[in-house]
Amino acid sequence: MELSQTALTVVMFVLSAVVSGLVGFLVFLFKRTSMNERDLMQHKLDAAEKYAHKNEINDLAGRLERKIDDLFKQVFDSKK
């Protein structure tokens, strides 16, 4: 079975369109992935700068507890 020149031309056109579409999609996908990676890194950096870390919260809780204990001791001593 031999294909005519017109059928071969149509097949080549369809295949080239599919390949071009795939290449375009892959380029879009890689650009989008790299942009998302940059956004994620920026978000991590912003979160690290703005929000307290677990150790900082523990230190704050310890200082607050000591201050409250000191305040209760002062109140208790002033009542005597």
N, C-alpha and C. Protein backbone atom coordinates (compact mmCIF):
# COMPACT_ATOMS: atom_id res chain seq x y z
N MET A 1 0.84 -1.17 0.00
CA MET A 1 0.00 0.00 0.00
C MET A 1 0.89 1.24 0.00
N GLU A 2 0.71 2.00 -0.99
CA GLU A 2 1.52 3.20 -1.15
C GLU A 2 0.65 4.43 -0.94
N LEU A 3 1.19 5.39 -0.17
CA LEU A 3 0.44 6.61 0.10
C LEU A 3 0.73 7.64 -0.99
N SER A 4 -0.25 8.42 -1.29
CA SER A 4 -0.06 9.46 -2.30
C SER A 4 0.75 10.60 -1.72
N GLN A 5 1.20 11.46 -2.59
CA GLN A 5 2.00 12.62 -2.19
C GLN A 5 1.18 13.52 -1.27
N THR A 6 -0.08 13.70 -1.54
CA THR A 6 -0.95 14.55 -0.73
C THR A 6 -1.12 13.95 0.66
N ALA A 7 -1.33 12.66 0.76
CA ALA A 7 -1.51 12.01 2.06
C ALA A 7 -0.23 12.11 2.88
N LEU A 8 0.93 11.92 2.24
CA LEU A 8 2.20 12.06 2.95
C LEU A 8 2.39 13.49 3.44
N THR A 9 2.00 14.45 2.65
CA THR A 9 2.13 15.85 3.05
C THR A 9 1.25 16.14 4.26
N VAL A 10 0.03 15.63 4.25
CA VAL A 10 -0.88 15.84 5.37
C VAL A 10 -0.35 15.15 6.63
N VAL A 11 0.14 13.93 6.48
CA VAL A 11 0.70 13.20 7.63
C VAL A 11 1.90 13.95 8.20
N MET A 12 2.78 14.42 7.34
CA MET A 12 3.96 15.17 7.81
C MET A 12 3.55 16.46 8.50
N PHE A 13 2.54 17.13 7.96
CA PHE A 13 2.05 18.37 8.57
C PHE A 13 1.49 18.09 9.96
N VAL A 14 0.69 17.04 10.09
CA VAL A 14 0.09 16.69 11.38
C VAL A 14 1.18 16.30 12.38
N LEU A 15 2.13 15.50 11.95
CA LEU A 15 3.21 15.09 12.86
C LEU A 15 4.06 16.27 13.30
N SER A 16 4.38 17.16 12.36
CA SER A 16 5.18 18.33 12.73
C SER A 16 4.39 19.24 13.67
N ALA A 17 3.08 19.35 13.47
CA ALA A 17 2.27 20.16 14.38
C ALA A 17 2.24 19.55 15.78
N VAL A 18 2.13 18.24 15.85
CA VAL A 18 2.13 17.55 17.16
C VAL A 18 3.47 17.73 17.85
N VAL A 19 4.55 17.56 17.11
CA VAL A 19 5.89 17.71 17.70
C VAL A 19 6.11 19.15 18.15
N SER A 20 5.70 20.12 17.34
CA SER A 20 5.83 21.52 17.73
C SER A 20 5.02 21.82 18.97
N GLY A 21 3.82 21.27 19.05
CA GLY A 21 3.00 21.47 20.23
C GLY A 21 3.64 20.87 21.47
N LEU A 22 4.21 19.68 21.33
CA LEU A 22 4.88 19.06 22.48
C LEU A 22 6.09 19.85 22.92
N VAL A 23 6.86 20.32 21.96
CA VAL A 23 8.05 21.13 22.31
C VAL A 23 7.62 22.41 23.01
N GLY A 24 6.59 23.06 22.49
CA GLY A 24 6.09 24.28 23.13
C GLY A 24 5.58 24.02 24.53
N PHE A 25 4.87 22.89 24.70
CA PHE A 25 4.36 22.54 26.03
C PHE A 25 5.51 22.26 26.99
N LEU A 26 6.54 21.56 26.54
CA LEU A 26 7.67 21.26 27.41
C LEU A 26 8.42 22.53 27.79
N VAL A 27 8.58 23.45 26.86
CA VAL A 27 9.22 24.73 27.18
C VAL A 27 8.41 25.48 28.23
N PHE A 28 7.09 25.53 28.03
CA PHE A 28 6.22 26.18 29.00
C PHE A 28 6.34 25.50 30.37
N LEU A 29 6.34 24.19 30.38
CA LEU A 29 6.41 23.43 31.63
C LEU A 29 7.71 23.70 32.38
N PHE A 30 8.83 23.71 31.67
CA PHE A 30 10.11 23.97 32.33
C PHE A 30 10.20 25.40 32.84
N LYS A 31 9.69 26.37 32.08
CA LYS A 31 9.69 27.76 32.55
C LYS A 31 8.83 27.91 33.79
N ARG A 32 7.67 27.28 33.77
CA ARG A 32 6.75 27.37 34.90
C ARG A 32 7.35 26.71 36.14
N THR A 33 8.03 25.59 35.95
CA THR A 33 8.66 24.90 37.07
C THR A 33 9.76 25.76 37.69
N SER A 34 10.57 26.37 36.86
CA SER A 34 11.65 27.21 37.41
C SER A 34 11.08 28.44 38.09
N MET A 35 9.99 29.00 37.54
CA MET A 35 9.37 30.16 38.18
C MET A 35 8.78 29.76 39.53
N ASN A 36 8.16 28.58 39.61
CA ASN A 36 7.60 28.11 40.88
C ASN A 36 8.69 27.85 41.90
N GLU A 37 9.83 27.33 41.46
CA GLU A 37 10.95 27.10 42.38
C GLU A 37 11.45 28.42 42.95
N ARG A 38 11.56 29.43 42.10
CA ARG A 38 12.00 30.75 42.59
C ARG A 38 10.99 31.32 43.57
N ASP A 39 9.70 31.20 43.25
CA ASP A 39 8.66 31.70 44.15
C ASP A 39 8.69 30.97 45.48
N LEU A 40 8.90 29.67 45.45
CA LEU A 40 8.97 28.89 46.69
C LEU A 40 10.16 29.31 47.54
N MET A 41 11.30 29.50 46.91
CA MET A 41 12.48 29.95 47.66
C MET A 41 12.26 31.33 48.26
N GLN A 42 11.61 32.22 47.51
CA GLN A 42 11.32 33.55 48.04
C GLN A 42 10.34 33.46 49.21
N HIS A 43 9.37 32.59 49.09
CA HIS A 43 8.41 32.40 50.18
C HIS A 43 9.09 31.86 51.43
N LYS A 44 9.99 30.91 51.25
CA LYS A 44 10.72 30.36 52.39
C LYS A 44 11.57 31.44 53.06
N LEU A 45 12.19 32.28 52.24
CA LEU A 45 13.01 33.36 52.78
C LEU A 45 12.14 34.36 53.54
N ASP A 46 11.00 34.73 52.97
CA ASP A 46 10.10 35.67 53.65
C ASP A 46 9.59 35.08 54.96
N ALA A 47 9.24 33.80 54.95
CA ALA A 47 8.74 33.16 56.17
C ALA A 47 9.83 33.11 57.23
N ALA A 48 11.05 32.84 56.83
CA ALA A 48 12.15 32.78 57.80
C ALA A 48 12.42 34.16 58.40
N GLU A 49 12.23 35.21 57.61
CA GLU A 49 12.48 36.56 58.12
C GLU A 49 11.34 37.07 59.00
N LYS A 50 10.11 36.68 58.70
CA LYS A 50 8.96 37.28 59.37
C LYS A 50 8.49 36.52 60.60
N TYR A 51 8.58 35.22 60.58
CA TYR A 51 7.95 34.43 61.64
C TYR A 51 9.00 33.85 62.58
N ALA A 52 8.59 33.71 63.84
CA ALA A 52 9.50 33.23 64.86
C ALA A 52 9.73 31.73 64.70
N HIS A 53 10.91 31.32 65.09
CA HIS A 53 11.26 29.91 65.05
C HIS A 53 10.89 29.25 66.38
N LYS A 54 10.88 27.95 66.40
CA LYS A 54 10.49 27.19 67.60
C LYS A 54 11.37 27.55 68.79
N ASN A 55 12.67 27.68 68.58
CA ASN A 55 13.58 28.01 69.69
C ASN A 55 13.28 29.40 70.25
N GLU A 56 12.97 30.34 69.37
CA GLU A 56 12.66 31.69 69.83
C GLU A 56 11.38 31.70 70.65
N ILE A 57 10.39 30.91 70.24
CA ILE A 57 9.14 30.84 70.99
C ILE A 57 9.38 30.20 72.36
N ASN A 58 10.21 29.16 72.41
CA ASN A 58 10.52 28.52 73.69
C ASN A 58 11.25 29.48 74.61
N ASP A 59 12.20 30.25 74.08
CA ASP A 59 12.92 31.25 74.89
C ASP A 59 11.96 32.31 75.43
N LEU A 60 11.06 32.75 74.57
CA LEU A 60 10.09 33.75 74.99
C LEU A 60 9.19 33.20 76.09
N ALA A 61 8.74 31.96 75.96
CA ALA A 61 7.89 31.35 76.98
C ALA A 61 8.65 31.23 78.30
N GLY A 62 9.92 30.86 78.25
CA GLY A 62 10.72 30.76 79.46
C GLY A 62 10.90 32.10 80.15
N ARG A 63 11.18 33.14 79.38
CA ARG A 63 11.33 34.47 79.95
C ARG A 63 10.02 34.96 80.56
N LEU A 64 8.93 34.70 79.86
CA LEU A 64 7.63 35.12 80.36
C LEU A 64 7.28 34.40 81.66
N GLU A 65 7.58 33.12 81.72
CA GLU A 65 7.32 32.36 82.94
C GLU A 65 8.16 32.88 84.11
N ARG A 66 9.42 33.20 83.87
CA ARG A 66 10.27 33.75 84.94
C ARG A 66 9.75 35.10 85.41
N LYS A 67 9.30 35.93 84.49
CA LYS A 67 8.77 37.24 84.86
C LYS A 67 7.51 37.10 85.70
N ILE A 68 6.65 36.16 85.32
CA ILE A 68 5.42 35.95 86.09
C ILE A 68 5.76 35.43 87.48
N ASP A 69 6.73 34.52 87.58
CA ASP A 69 7.15 34.02 88.90
C ASP A 69 7.70 35.15 89.76
N ASP A 70 8.52 36.01 89.17
CA ASP A 70 9.07 37.15 89.91
C ASP A 70 7.96 38.08 90.38
N LEU A 71 6.97 38.29 89.52
CA LEU A 71 5.86 39.16 89.89
C LEU A 71 5.05 38.56 91.03
N PHE A 72 4.78 37.28 91.00
CA PHE A 72 4.07 36.63 92.10
C PHE A 72 4.87 36.69 93.40
N LYS A 73 6.19 36.52 93.30
CA LYS A 73 7.03 36.62 94.49
C LYS A 73 6.96 38.03 95.09
N GLN A 74 7.00 39.04 94.22
CA GLN A 74 6.91 40.43 94.71
C GLN A 74 5.57 40.69 95.39
N VAL A 75 4.50 40.19 94.79
CA VAL A 75 3.18 40.39 95.38
C VAL A 75 3.08 39.65 96.69
N PHE A 76 3.57 38.43 96.73
CA PHE A 76 3.53 37.62 97.96
C PHE A 76 4.36 38.26 99.06
N ASP A 77 5.56 38.77 98.69
CA ASP A 77 6.43 39.41 99.70
C ASP A 77 5.81 40.71 100.20
N SER A 78 5.11 41.43 99.36
CA SER A 78 4.51 42.71 99.82
C SER A 78 3.31 42.47 100.73
N LYS A 79 2.70 41.30 100.67
CA LYS A 79 1.56 40.98 101.53
C LYS A 79 2.01 40.64 102.96
N LYS A 80 3.25 40.22 103.15
CA LYS A 80 3.76 39.83 104.48
C LYS A 80 3.97 40.99 105.38
